[in-house]
Amino acid sequence: MRLNLYFSFSSQSFKIQIAMFVEWLKKEEKMNVKFVNFQTGPVDNDEILHDEIKKMIGDDSIENISPQSTEEVMRLFKNANFAVCMRLHSIITAMQAHTPFVAINYSEKVRNLMDYMGSKENLLEMQNVSFETLKNLYNKTAGSEETKQKLQHLKQNSFRKIEEFISLYLQKLQK
């Protein structure tokens, strides 16, 4: 299982909730957790935040991966049982890989994508992130028959719908 976390929100409380969820996945669900970094520049660096969460957990076995290609990113997501996503690209990748996921909303574009794709039930508002809400969404999402059907539907329509969404989003930015 890969857990993909991306966020610019860095409150201590938020990190603690994520760390508790990761610990639970590792101990109770026996998951192999990996952090996948989408942004590693000088500002808003995923790797730094992932390292902070790893230190809270005290588990050096959690890999912090900075993929070098789109193929590598897709392979990581296709091999994942579940993903927690925040970056828009991670959400799109989870959809294209047909990986059950929860999207943490940090921006209007995330909410718009989830709404457009008919996946609002997988959206968690930033202020509602807690160990319990993440655990509940995981239990509801990962492995459920409803999720399998939803992912099959996304499989048939995701590339077209994502292209439509990006086109609409770019048009909005130009206005």
Protein backbone atom coordinates (compact mmCIF):
# COMPACT_ATOMS: atom_id res chain seq x y z
CA MET A 1 0.00 0.00 0.00
CA ARG A 2 1.20 3.47 -0.78
CA LEU A 3 -0.01 6.50 1.06
CA ASN A 4 0.53 9.64 -0.92
CA LEU A 5 0.34 12.86 1.04
CA TYR A 6 0.74 16.33 -0.36
CA PHE A 7 0.03 19.55 1.42
CA SER A 8 1.18 23.06 2.00
CA PHE A 9 -0.85 23.29 5.19
CA SER A 10 1.64 22.64 7.93
CA SER A 11 -0.08 23.16 11.28
CA GLN A 12 1.19 20.90 14.02
CA SER A 13 -2.31 19.56 14.63
CA PHE A 14 -2.72 18.61 10.96
CA LYS A 15 0.62 16.78 10.92
CA ILE A 16 -0.25 14.94 14.15
CA GLN A 17 -3.55 13.71 12.67
CA ILE A 18 -1.81 12.49 9.52
CA ALA A 19 0.90 10.80 11.60
CA MET A 20 -1.73 9.02 13.72
CA PHE A 21 -3.46 7.77 10.57
CA VAL A 22 -0.19 6.53 9.05
CA GLU A 23 0.70 4.73 12.28
CA TRP A 24 -2.72 3.08 12.33
CA LEU A 25 -2.36 1.95 8.71
CA LYS A 26 1.04 0.45 9.42
CA LYS A 27 0.14 -1.26 12.70
CA GLU A 28 -3.49 -2.23 12.32
CA GLU A 29 -3.83 -2.63 8.55
CA LYS A 30 -0.25 -3.90 8.04
CA MET A 31 0.30 -1.41 5.22
CA ASN A 32 3.58 -0.55 3.57
CA VAL A 33 3.37 3.26 3.52
CA LYS A 34 5.29 5.42 1.06
CA PHE A 35 5.28 9.19 0.76
CA VAL A 36 5.43 10.39 -2.83
CA ASN A 37 6.75 13.91 -3.33
CA PHE A 38 5.21 15.93 -6.13
CA GLN A 39 6.74 19.28 -5.23
CA THR A 40 10.33 19.48 -4.04
CA GLY A 41 11.33 23.06 -4.77
CA PRO A 42 12.44 25.73 -2.30
CA VAL A 43 8.83 26.66 -1.47
CA ASP A 44 6.05 24.30 -0.38
CA ASN A 45 8.31 21.23 -0.35
CA ASP A 46 6.53 17.90 0.14
CA GLU A 47 9.71 16.09 1.17
CA ILE A 48 10.29 18.36 4.17
CA LEU A 49 6.76 17.86 5.44
CA HIS A 50 6.90 14.11 4.86
CA ASP A 51 10.17 13.95 6.85
CA GLU A 52 8.51 15.84 9.72
CA ILE A 53 5.64 13.33 9.80
CA LYS A 54 8.09 10.40 9.64
CA LYS A 55 9.92 11.83 12.66
CA MET A 56 6.65 12.12 14.59
CA ILE A 57 5.96 8.46 13.90
CA GLY A 58 9.56 7.43 14.56
CA ASP A 59 9.60 4.98 11.67
CA ASP A 60 12.49 5.14 9.21
CA SER A 61 11.00 2.32 7.13
CA ILE A 62 8.59 4.77 5.47
CA GLU A 63 10.05 5.68 2.09
CA ASN A 64 10.05 9.27 0.88
CA ILE A 65 10.05 8.98 -2.93
CA SER A 66 10.65 11.75 -5.46
CA PRO A 67 9.64 10.13 -8.76
CA GLN A 68 11.80 10.87 -11.78
CA SER A 69 9.19 10.20 -14.46
CA THR A 70 5.45 10.09 -15.06
CA GLU A 71 5.79 6.34 -15.61
CA GLU A 72 7.26 5.95 -12.13
CA VAL A 73 4.45 8.00 -10.60
CA MET A 74 1.82 5.93 -12.40
CA ARG A 75 3.49 2.68 -11.33
CA LEU A 76 3.52 3.79 -7.68
CA PHE A 77 -0.18 4.66 -7.80
CA LYS A 78 -1.18 1.51 -9.71
CA ASN A 79 0.57 -0.60 -7.07
CA ALA A 80 -1.14 1.27 -4.23
CA ASN A 81 -4.14 -0.08 -2.36
CA PHE A 82 -5.10 3.40 -1.20
CA ALA A 83 -3.89 6.99 -1.48
CA VAL A 84 -4.37 10.17 0.53
CA CYS A 85 -3.93 12.97 -1.99
CA MET A 86 -3.74 16.71 -1.80
CA ARG A 87 -1.86 17.92 -4.82
CA LEU A 88 -4.12 18.14 -7.86
CA HIS A 89 -1.72 15.97 -9.86
CA SER A 90 -1.84 13.23 -7.23
CA ILE A 91 -5.64 13.18 -7.37
CA ILE A 92 -5.63 12.97 -11.16
CA THR A 93 -3.01 10.20 -11.00
CA ALA A 94 -5.03 8.21 -8.45
CA MET A 95 -8.08 8.51 -10.71
CA GLN A 96 -6.13 7.41 -13.79
CA ALA A 97 -4.52 4.51 -11.86
CA HIS A 98 -7.94 3.50 -10.50
CA THR A 99 -6.60 3.57 -6.95
CA PRO A 100 -9.06 4.19 -4.10
CA PHE A 101 -8.24 7.58 -2.60
CA VAL A 102 -9.23 10.42 -0.35
CA ALA A 103 -8.57 13.97 -1.54
CA ILE A 104 -7.76 16.64 1.03
CA ASN A 105 -9.13 19.93 -0.20
CA TYR A 106 -6.72 22.85 -0.03
CA SER A 107 -7.96 24.79 -3.06
CA GLU A 108 -11.03 25.50 -5.14
CA LYS A 109 -9.48 23.55 -8.02
CA VAL A 110 -9.47 20.36 -5.91
CA ARG A 111 -13.12 20.79 -4.95
CA ASN A 112 -14.02 21.58 -8.56
CA LEU A 113 -12.23 18.49 -9.90
CA MET A 114 -13.84 16.19 -7.35
CA ASP A 115 -17.26 17.65 -8.08
CA TYR A 116 -16.74 17.46 -11.85
CA MET A 117 -15.62 13.83 -11.64
CA GLY A 118 -18.56 12.88 -9.40
CA SER A 119 -16.25 11.97 -6.51
CA LYS A 120 -17.26 14.49 -3.85
CA GLU A 121 -17.75 11.70 -1.32
CA ASN A 122 -13.97 11.19 -1.42
CA LEU A 123 -13.28 14.85 -0.59
CA LEU A 124 -12.19 15.86 2.90
CA GLU A 125 -12.10 19.54 3.75
CA MET A 126 -8.81 20.68 5.27
CA GLN A 127 -10.43 21.78 8.54
CA ASN A 128 -12.03 18.33 8.94
CA VAL A 129 -8.81 16.32 8.70
CA SER A 130 -8.53 14.11 11.75
CA PHE A 131 -7.43 10.58 12.47
CA GLU A 132 -11.06 9.48 12.83
CA THR A 133 -12.30 11.08 9.60
CA LEU A 134 -9.36 9.63 7.65
CA LYS A 135 -9.92 6.20 9.19
CA ASN A 136 -13.66 6.34 8.43
CA LEU A 137 -13.05 7.38 4.81
CA TYR A 138 -10.43 4.66 4.42
CA ASN A 139 -12.83 2.03 5.78
CA LYS A 140 -15.62 3.29 3.54
CA THR A 141 -13.45 3.62 0.44
CA ALA A 142 -10.73 0.97 0.34
CA GLY A 143 -11.98 -2.32 -1.00
CA SER A 144 -15.69 -1.53 -0.98
CA GLU A 145 -17.85 -2.80 -3.84
CA GLU A 146 -19.19 0.73 -4.37
CA THR A 147 -15.64 2.04 -4.75
CA LYS A 148 -14.79 -0.73 -7.23
CA GLN A 149 -17.81 0.22 -9.34
CA LYS A 150 -16.96 3.92 -9.10
CA LEU A 151 -13.36 3.24 -10.15
CA GLN A 152 -14.56 1.14 -13.08
CA HIS A 153 -16.76 4.04 -14.17
CA LEU A 154 -13.83 6.43 -13.77
CA LYS A 155 -11.66 4.03 -15.79
CA GLN A 156 -14.05 4.30 -18.70
CA ASN A 157 -14.40 8.09 -18.49
CA SER A 158 -11.46 9.52 -16.53
CA PHE A 159 -9.13 10.56 -19.34
CA ARG A 160 -11.89 12.33 -21.26
CA LYS A 161 -13.37 13.96 -18.16
CA ILE A 162 -9.97 15.03 -16.80
CA GLU A 163 -9.10 16.59 -20.18
CA GLU A 164 -12.46 18.41 -20.16
CA PHE A 165 -11.85 19.62 -16.59
CA ILE A 166 -8.35 20.90 -17.40
CA SER A 167 -9.66 22.68 -20.49
CA LEU A 168 -12.45 24.33 -18.49
CA TYR A 169 -10.02 25.25 -15.70
CA LEU A 170 -7.56 26.83 -18.15
CA GLN A 171 -10.39 28.79 -19.78
CA LYS A 172 -11.38 30.09 -16.34
CA LEU A 173 -7.80 31.19 -15.65
CA GLN A 174 -7.66 33.12 -18.90
CA LYS A 175 -10.73 35.21 -17.99
